[in-house]
Amino acid sequence: MNPVQATISAPRPRLAALSPDPLRQDAYLAAGLAALASAVAVTVGSGRHPDALGWALLLGLHVPLVWRRRAPLTALAIMIPLIAVYHQQDYNHSAPTAASMVVLYTVAVTSGPRRTAAIGCAVVALMVVLKIDEGMAGLTVSFQITGWIVSMLVLGGYIRVHRENAAAALERAERAERTREEEARRRVAEERLRIARDLHDLLAHSITLIGVQTSVAAHVLAADPGRLDRAAVAQALDEIAETCRTSRGELRTTLDVLRDPGSPDARGPLPGLHGLADLARSTVGAQVKLTVTADEVPPAVGAAAYRIVQEALTNAVRHGGRDDLTVRVRVYEDEGTLRVHVTDDGAGAADGTPGYGLVGMRERARSVGGTLAAGPREDTDGFEVTAVLPLGGTR
């Protein structure tokens, strides 16, 4: 598997889809708290046992808990008057405590800190008003209940902050995952483009040379069968074989990237300026005049220059349109850049539908931050390719 291939994970199921219905959960909670309150009302605590009105108030104040998560403030607004009337009738004061604490906790969990503080102050103030006529005993109870109220509000606020932090952390993790996946996709696209350029440059050049060499052999065989120049035919066939061997080696190097991407030497050494002389000598169908006046350059720049020259020679041989074609290649350094200049005296621009050659050369130049211009020569017949590749100060 290619190292830059993205591993796209399957969509994660939403937690809400896997969890039970919140409304049903709250209904069970309200029923459980109502049962607990009923048991407390007839067993422990201060105040008298509820009568018919007391039971109606006690059980009725638990009903809004069913919608506590959907409408917490509404549930609180309904429960407070019922609880106030219940306590004013001096029914068992401990019975509705659990329900009141749950609704206060829910409000704190679902509200901001300012709203929570305001609601807490309002509830405490209402309780003090209800207890003030009981004197010091009422104030003592008020302080005790205030402690429970503050505890529930603080607990709810803490849970709310914890959930918000967890949600923010999950969002950051998902955003980071999306960024990694997008980066992986980008690297896959770049790798595919690089392999496509390598295969095009290699195969187009090799096939063009083989075509020219085959044409030479065919011409020698057909020109004068009675006086067959066996040496010329043998030389053409040897050149075809050598081109095939060279192409096979380069193709194997390229395919190694896909078969063993983990090896640091999978791609082998990059072609560079040192390979231009062999490239010029192996080009048939044209006389190549090569001039290289450049010292060591960064490997990526040297590889880009090599591929640009290779494609330019391929296009010149393919579209030159003459037997005595001459191609001049000049590679030199100039003010922190490597300049590549390739001209030929052939028929000029290629006819027909443009291929990928010029596009590939421009992509090669852009891959190292350079530019490339290509087109017919202005002063005479032929084609001209000029590339400017920044060296970047790296050696």
Protein backbone atom coordinates (compact mmCIF):
# COMPACT_ATOMS: atom_id res chain seq x y z
CA MET A 1 0.00 0.00 0.00
CA ASN A 2 1.30 3.45 -0.86
CA PRO A 3 2.48 5.28 2.31
CA VAL A 4 0.55 8.40 1.39
CA GLN A 5 -2.69 6.56 0.81
CA ALA A 6 -5.36 7.87 3.12
CA THR A 7 -7.21 5.48 5.37
CA ILE A 8 -10.76 6.71 5.26
CA SER A 9 -12.57 5.55 8.33
CA ALA A 10 -16.18 4.45 8.27
CA PRO A 11 -18.72 7.02 9.46
CA ARG A 12 -19.09 6.93 13.20
CA PRO A 13 -22.64 6.27 14.43
CA ARG A 14 -24.15 9.15 16.32
CA LEU A 15 -24.48 8.56 20.04
CA ALA A 16 -28.03 9.86 20.01
CA ALA A 17 -29.02 7.10 17.62
CA LEU A 18 -27.61 4.45 19.96
CA SER A 19 -28.95 5.83 23.27
CA PRO A 20 -32.49 5.30 24.57
CA ASP A 21 -35.16 7.96 24.14
CA PRO A 22 -34.36 10.83 26.60
CA LEU A 23 -38.07 11.50 27.12
CA ARG A 24 -38.64 7.90 28.17
CA GLN A 25 -35.63 8.03 30.48
CA ASP A 26 -36.96 11.18 32.16
CA ALA A 27 -40.39 9.60 32.50
CA TYR A 28 -38.83 6.67 34.35
CA LEU A 29 -36.84 9.10 36.50
CA ALA A 30 -39.95 11.11 37.36
CA ALA A 31 -41.84 7.95 38.31
CA GLY A 32 -38.96 6.73 40.46
CA LEU A 33 -38.65 10.06 42.26
CA ALA A 34 -42.42 10.19 42.78
CA ALA A 35 -42.29 6.73 44.37
CA LEU A 36 -39.39 7.79 46.59
CA ALA A 37 -41.19 11.00 47.60
CA SER A 38 -44.32 9.01 48.47
CA ALA A 39 -42.32 6.69 50.70
CA VAL A 40 -40.61 9.61 52.44
CA ALA A 41 -43.91 11.45 52.91
CA VAL A 42 -45.37 8.69 55.05
CA THR A 43 -42.25 7.63 56.95
CA VAL A 44 -39.65 10.27 57.81
CA GLY A 45 -39.22 14.03 57.87
CA SER A 46 -40.95 16.97 59.49
CA GLY A 47 -44.49 18.08 58.74
CA ARG A 48 -47.76 16.27 58.49
CA HIS A 49 -48.69 13.41 56.23
CA PRO A 50 -50.21 14.54 52.94
CA ASP A 51 -53.97 14.50 52.45
CA ALA A 52 -55.70 14.44 49.08
CA LEU A 53 -54.42 17.93 48.25
CA GLY A 54 -50.95 17.08 49.49
CA TRP A 55 -50.76 13.94 47.35
CA ALA A 56 -52.00 15.88 44.32
CA LEU A 57 -49.33 18.52 44.87
CA LEU A 58 -46.57 16.02 45.62
CA LEU A 59 -47.26 13.77 42.65
CA GLY A 60 -48.13 16.68 40.35
CA LEU A 61 -44.80 18.47 40.92
CA HIS A 62 -42.98 15.40 39.58
CA VAL A 63 -44.79 15.48 36.22
CA PRO A 64 -42.75 18.37 34.73
CA LEU A 65 -39.59 16.30 35.27
CA VAL A 66 -40.61 14.27 32.19
CA TRP A 67 -39.67 17.33 30.06
CA ARG A 68 -36.77 18.54 32.19
CA ARG A 69 -34.18 18.20 29.38
CA ARG A 70 -36.41 19.57 26.63
CA ALA A 71 -37.66 22.58 28.59
CA PRO A 72 -35.77 22.88 31.89
CA LEU A 73 -36.82 26.46 32.68
CA THR A 74 -40.47 25.67 31.99
CA ALA A 75 -40.28 22.63 34.23
CA LEU A 76 -38.74 24.74 36.99
CA ALA A 77 -41.35 27.46 36.57
CA ILE A 78 -44.16 24.90 36.97
CA MET A 79 -42.58 23.05 39.88
CA ILE A 80 -41.72 26.08 42.06
CA PRO A 81 -45.35 27.17 42.72
CA LEU A 82 -46.39 23.57 43.42
CA ILE A 83 -43.49 23.10 45.85
CA ALA A 84 -44.21 26.46 47.51
CA VAL A 85 -47.88 25.61 48.07
CA TYR A 86 -46.91 22.14 49.31
CA HIS A 87 -44.57 23.57 51.94
CA GLN A 88 -47.05 26.31 52.91
CA GLN A 89 -49.53 23.58 53.78
CA ASP A 90 -46.91 22.13 56.14
CA TYR A 91 -46.86 18.74 54.51
CA ASN A 92 -43.80 16.52 54.92
CA HIS A 93 -41.01 18.93 53.94
CA SER A 94 -38.47 16.27 52.98
CA ALA A 95 -40.61 14.53 50.35
CA PRO A 96 -40.12 16.95 47.37
CA THR A 97 -36.44 17.56 48.08
CA ALA A 98 -35.08 15.07 45.52
CA ALA A 99 -37.30 16.39 42.71
CA SER A 100 -36.35 20.01 43.43
CA MET A 101 -32.64 19.15 43.47
CA VAL A 102 -32.92 17.30 40.13
CA VAL A 103 -34.65 20.21 38.39
CA LEU A 104 -32.08 22.68 39.78
CA TYR A 105 -29.26 20.43 38.57
CA THR A 106 -30.86 20.25 35.12
CA VAL A 107 -31.17 24.03 34.90
CA ALA A 108 -27.50 24.44 35.85
CA VAL A 109 -26.41 21.85 33.27
CA THR A 110 -28.36 23.49 30.43
CA SER A 111 -27.89 27.18 31.30
CA GLY A 112 -24.98 29.58 31.35
CA PRO A 113 -23.27 30.65 34.58
CA ARG A 114 -25.08 34.03 34.81
CA ARG A 115 -28.53 32.53 34.31
CA THR A 116 -27.73 29.75 36.76
CA ALA A 117 -26.60 32.25 39.40
CA ALA A 118 -29.72 34.40 38.88
CA ILE A 119 -32.03 31.39 39.17
CA GLY A 120 -30.20 30.20 42.31
CA CYS A 121 -30.55 33.60 43.96
CA ALA A 122 -34.25 33.75 43.07
CA VAL A 123 -34.93 30.28 44.49
CA VAL A 124 -33.05 31.05 47.72
CA ALA A 125 -34.86 34.36 48.09
CA LEU A 126 -38.25 32.66 47.62
CA MET A 127 -37.33 30.04 50.20
CA VAL A 128 -36.28 32.69 52.73
CA VAL A 129 -39.56 34.54 52.20
CA LEU A 130 -41.48 31.32 52.86
CA LYS A 131 -39.45 30.52 56.00
CA ILE A 132 -39.07 33.99 57.47
CA ASP A 133 -42.25 33.74 59.54
CA GLU A 134 -40.79 30.69 61.32
CA GLY A 135 -38.13 32.76 63.06
CA MET A 136 -34.65 31.43 63.78
CA ALA A 137 -35.71 27.85 63.16
CA GLY A 138 -36.83 28.82 59.68
CA LEU A 139 -33.58 30.67 58.97
CA THR A 140 -31.56 27.65 60.14
CA VAL A 141 -33.46 25.39 57.78
CA SER A 142 -33.05 28.00 55.03
CA PHE A 143 -29.26 27.92 55.43
CA GLN A 144 -29.25 24.13 55.27
CA ILE A 145 -31.40 24.04 52.13
CA THR A 146 -29.31 26.83 50.60
CA GLY A 147 -26.27 24.59 50.93
CA TRP A 148 -28.05 21.86 48.97
CA ILE A 149 -29.21 24.34 46.33
CA VAL A 150 -25.72 25.76 45.87
CA SER A 151 -24.25 22.26 45.74
CA MET A 152 -26.65 21.19 42.95
CA LEU A 153 -26.04 24.35 40.96
CA VAL A 154 -22.25 24.01 41.29
CA LEU A 155 -22.40 20.33 40.33
CA GLY A 156 -24.56 21.11 37.30
CA GLY A 157 -22.25 23.93 36.24
CA TYR A 158 -19.21 21.67 36.58
CA ILE A 159 -20.86 18.95 34.47
CA ARG A 160 -21.84 21.55 31.85
CA VAL A 161 -18.27 22.86 31.58
CA HIS A 162 -16.94 19.31 31.41
CA ARG A 163 -19.33 18.45 28.59
CA GLU A 164 -18.47 21.61 26.69
CA ASN A 165 -14.76 20.86 27.00
CA ALA A 166 -15.31 17.28 25.88
CA ALA A 167 -17.38 18.44 22.90
CA ALA A 168 -14.72 21.00 21.97
CA ALA A 169 -12.00 18.35 22.23
CA LEU A 170 -14.04 15.99 20.05
CA GLU A 171 -14.57 18.72 17.48
CA ARG A 172 -10.84 19.51 17.44
CA ALA A 173 -10.05 15.82 17.00
CA GLU A 174 -12.54 15.49 14.13
CA ARG A 175 -11.17 18.65 12.52
CA ALA A 176 -7.62 17.31 12.84
CA GLU A 177 -8.74 13.99 11.35
CA ARG A 178 -10.36 15.79 8.42
CA THR A 179 -7.17 17.78 7.93
CA ARG A 180 -5.07 14.59 7.94
CA GLU A 181 -7.40 12.94 5.44
CA GLU A 182 -7.33 16.00 3.15
CA GLU A 183 -3.53 16.09 3.38
CA ALA A 184 -3.37 12.38 2.59
CA ARG A 185 -5.63 12.85 -0.43
CA ARG A 186 -3.47 15.75 -1.62
CA ARG A 187 -0.31 13.67 -1.26
CA VAL A 188 -1.96 10.79 -3.13
CA ALA A 189 -2.86 13.15 -5.97
CA GLU A 190 0.67 14.55 -6.07
CA GLU A 191 2.16 11.06 -6.05
CA ARG A 192 -0.10 9.92 -8.89
CA LEU A 193 0.81 13.01 -10.88
CA ARG A 194 4.51 12.41 -10.30
CA ILE A 195 4.26 8.78 -11.39
CA ALA A 196 2.27 9.82 -14.47
CA ARG A 197 4.98 12.34 -15.39
CA ASP A 198 7.73 9.75 -14.87
CA LEU A 199 5.98 7.16 -17.00
CA HIS A 200 5.20 9.67 -19.72
CA ASP A 201 8.74 11.02 -19.87
CA LEU A 202 10.25 7.54 -19.85
CA LEU A 203 7.92 5.79 -22.29
CA ALA A 204 7.47 8.70 -24.69
CA HIS A 205 11.23 9.17 -25.04
CA SER A 206 11.98 5.44 -25.33
CA ILE A 207 9.18 4.73 -27.79
CA THR A 208 10.23 7.65 -29.95
CA LEU A 209 13.83 6.43 -30.04
CA ILE A 210 12.73 2.88 -30.84
CA GLY A 211 10.50 4.19 -33.62
CA VAL A 212 13.34 6.15 -35.18
CA GLN A 213 15.78 3.24 -34.87
CA THR A 214 13.24 0.84 -36.39
CA SER A 215 12.71 3.24 -39.28
CA VAL A 216 16.48 3.32 -39.88
CA ALA A 217 16.66 -0.48 -39.94
CA ALA A 218 13.63 -0.71 -42.24
CA HIS A 219 15.15 1.88 -44.57
CA VAL A 220 18.44 -0.02 -44.76
CA LEU A 221 16.60 -3.28 -45.53
CA ALA A 222 14.40 -1.71 -48.21
CA ALA A 223 16.89 0.63 -49.87
CA ASP A 224 18.97 -1.96 -51.71
CA PRO A 225 18.27 -5.59 -50.77
CA GLY A 226 21.01 -6.81 -53.11
CA ARG A 227 23.66 -4.81 -51.29
CA LEU A 228 22.39 -5.19 -47.73
CA ASP A 229 24.42 -3.28 -45.16
CA ARG A 230 24.35 -5.85 -42.41
CA ALA A 231 26.49 -3.73 -40.11
CA ALA A 232 24.03 -0.83 -40.26
CA VAL A 233 21.08 -3.13 -39.58
CA ALA A 234 22.91 -4.78 -36.70
CA GLN A 235 23.80 -1.40 -35.24
CA ALA A 236 20.17 -0.22 -35.43
CA LEU A 237 18.94 -3.41 -33.78
CA ASP A 238 21.61 -3.13 -31.07
CA GLU A 239 20.49 0.44 -30.38
CA ILE A 240 16.89 -0.74 -30.14
CA ALA A 241 17.91 -3.44 -27.67
CA GLU A 242 19.95 -0.99 -25.60
CA THR A 243 17.04 1.46 -25.51
CA CYS A 244 14.73 -1.33 -24.35
CA ARG A 245 17.15 -2.35 -21.60
CA THR A 246 17.53 1.22 -20.38
CA SER A 247 13.79 1.80 -20.46
CA ARG A 248 13.13 -1.45 -18.64
CA GLY A 249 15.52 -0.47 -15.86
CA GLU A 250 13.96 2.97 -15.44
CA LEU A 251 10.48 1.49 -15.56
CA ARG A 252 11.41 -1.04 -12.87
CA THR A 253 12.73 1.78 -10.69
CA THR A 254 9.47 3.68 -11.09
CA LEU A 255 7.34 0.63 -10.31
CA ASP A 256 9.42 -0.07 -7.19
CA VAL A 257 7.81 3.02 -5.69
CA LEU A 258 4.47 1.25 -5.79
CA ARG A 259 5.68 -2.22 -4.81
CA ASP A 260 8.01 -1.29 -1.94
CA PRO A 261 7.26 2.28 -0.84
CA GLY A 262 8.86 1.73 2.57
CA SER A 263 12.36 1.35 1.18
CA PRO A 264 14.33 4.62 1.29
CA ASP A 265 16.07 3.69 -1.95
CA ALA A 266 12.96 2.51 -3.75
CA ARG A 267 13.19 5.21 -6.39
CA GLY A 268 16.89 4.83 -6.93
CA PRO A 269 19.10 7.81 -7.70
CA LEU A 270 17.34 10.71 -9.36
CA PRO A 271 18.42 11.58 -12.90
CA GLY A 272 20.33 14.83 -13.01
CA LEU A 273 22.71 16.99 -14.99
CA HIS A 274 25.29 14.19 -15.01
CA GLY A 275 22.92 12.11 -17.16
CA LEU A 276 22.45 14.72 -19.89
CA ALA A 277 25.53 13.56 -21.84
CA ASP A 278 24.24 9.98 -22.06
CA LEU A 279 20.80 11.28 -22.94
CA ALA A 280 22.24 13.33 -25.82
CA ARG A 281 24.32 10.40 -27.11
CA SER A 282 21.37 7.99 -26.98
CA THR A 283 19.08 10.29 -28.96
CA VAL A 284 18.77 9.14 -32.56
CA GLY A 285 17.11 11.01 -35.35
CA ALA A 286 18.80 14.28 -34.49
CA GLN A 287 22.24 15.73 -33.90
CA VAL A 288 22.32 16.97 -30.31
CA LYS A 289 24.75 19.70 -29.37
CA LEU A 290 24.94 19.83 -25.58
CA THR A 291 26.52 22.55 -23.45
CA VAL A 292 26.39 22.28 -19.67
CA THR A 293 28.05 24.99 -17.60
CA ALA A 294 26.64 24.40 -14.16
CA ASP A 295 28.10 23.08 -10.93
CA GLU A 296 26.30 20.73 -8.57
CA VAL A 297 22.65 21.65 -8.17
CA PRO A 298 19.96 20.34 -5.77
CA PRO A 299 18.81 16.85 -6.80
CA ALA A 300 15.22 17.93 -7.39
CA VAL A 301 16.33 20.77 -9.68
CA GLY A 302 18.72 18.49 -11.56
CA ALA A 303 15.99 15.88 -12.03
CA ALA A 304 13.55 18.50 -13.32
CA ALA A 305 16.13 19.83 -15.77
CA TYR A 306 16.90 16.28 -17.00
CA ARG A 307 13.23 15.47 -17.60
CA ILE A 308 12.62 18.79 -19.37
CA VAL A 309 15.54 18.17 -21.71
CA GLN A 310 14.42 14.58 -22.26
CA GLU A 311 10.89 15.63 -23.24
CA ALA A 312 12.16 18.48 -25.40
CA LEU A 313 14.42 16.05 -27.31
CA THR A 314 11.54 13.61 -27.69
CA ASN A 315 9.28 16.30 -29.15
CA ALA A 316 12.02 17.55 -31.45
CA VAL A 317 12.68 14.09 -32.89
CA ARG A 318 8.99 13.29 -33.18
CA HIS A 319 7.91 16.55 -34.79
CA GLY A 320 11.13 17.80 -36.38
CA GLY A 321 10.14 16.72 -39.87
CA ARG A 322 13.65 16.54 -41.34
CA ASP A 323 16.52 14.06 -41.55
CA ASP A 324 19.33 16.47 -40.66
CA LEU A 325 17.64 17.80 -37.54
CA THR A 326 19.90 19.64 -35.11
CA VAL A 327 18.97 20.24 -31.49
CA ARG A 328 20.95 22.60 -29.30
CA VAL A 329 20.78 22.14 -25.56
CA ARG A 330 22.28 24.68 -23.19
CA VAL A 331 22.14 24.33 -19.40
CA TYR A 332 23.76 27.02 -17.27
CA GLU A 333 23.52 28.90 -13.98
CA ASP A 334 22.48 32.53 -13.91
CA GLU A 335 21.87 34.64 -10.78
CA GLY A 336 20.73 31.86 -8.49
CA THR A 337 18.77 29.97 -11.12
CA LEU A 338 19.40 27.05 -13.44
CA ARG A 339 18.40 27.90 -17.00
CA VAL A 340 17.57 25.28 -19.59
CA HIS A 341 17.43 26.32 -23.25
CA VAL A 342 16.56 23.79 -25.97
CA THR A 343 16.12 24.79 -29.63
CA ASP A 344 15.80 22.83 -32.84
CA ASP A 345 15.67 23.72 -36.53
CA GLY A 346 12.79 21.41 -37.38
CA ALA A 347 9.38 22.11 -38.84
CA GLY A 348 8.23 24.04 -35.79
CA ALA A 349 5.16 23.42 -33.66
CA ALA A 350 3.64 19.97 -33.67
CA ASP A 351 0.48 19.45 -35.66
CA GLY A 352 -2.62 17.72 -34.38
CA THR A 353 -4.00 17.47 -30.88
CA PRO A 354 -1.48 18.55 -28.22
CA GLY A 355 -0.25 15.76 -25.96
CA TYR A 356 0.93 15.75 -22.37
CA GLY A 357 4.54 16.66 -23.15
CA LEU A 358 4.34 20.44 -22.75
CA VAL A 359 2.01 20.06 -19.76
CA GLY A 360 4.47 17.66 -18.14
CA MET A 361 7.41 20.00 -18.73
CA ARG A 362 5.56 22.91 -17.15
CA GLU A 363 4.62 20.73 -14.17
CA ARG A 364 8.25 19.69 -13.81
CA ALA A 365 9.29 23.32 -13.70
CA ARG A 366 6.55 24.27 -11.24
CA SER A 367 7.45 21.36 -8.96
CA VAL A 368 10.70 23.16 -8.05
CA GLY A 369 9.24 26.67 -8.16
CA GLY A 370 10.32 27.46 -11.70
CA THR A 371 8.72 28.53 -14.94
CA LEU A 372 8.79 27.21 -18.50
CA ALA A 373 8.02 28.77 -21.87
CA ALA A 374 7.69 26.81 -25.10
CA GLY A 375 6.74 27.72 -28.64
CA PRO A 376 7.91 28.22 -32.23
CA ARG A 377 11.08 30.24 -32.71
CA GLU A 378 10.53 33.79 -33.86
CA ASP A 379 13.52 34.32 -36.12
CA THR A 380 13.58 31.02 -37.99
CA ASP A 381 12.04 27.59 -38.28
CA GLY A 382 12.05 25.31 -35.27
CA PHE A 383 10.84 25.06 -31.74
CA GLU A 384 12.21 26.55 -28.54
CA VAL A 385 11.91 25.54 -24.89
CA THR A 386 13.18 27.76 -22.08
CA ALA A 387 12.99 26.87 -18.38
CA VAL A 388 14.11 28.88 -15.35
CA LEU A 389 14.56 26.75 -12.22
CA PRO A 390 15.41 28.50 -8.92
CA LEU A 391 18.29 26.93 -7.03
CA GLY A 392 17.06 28.28 -3.70
CA GLY A 393 20.52 28.60 -2.26
CA THR A 394 20.56 24.84 -1.44
CA ARG A 395 23.46 22.66 -2.48
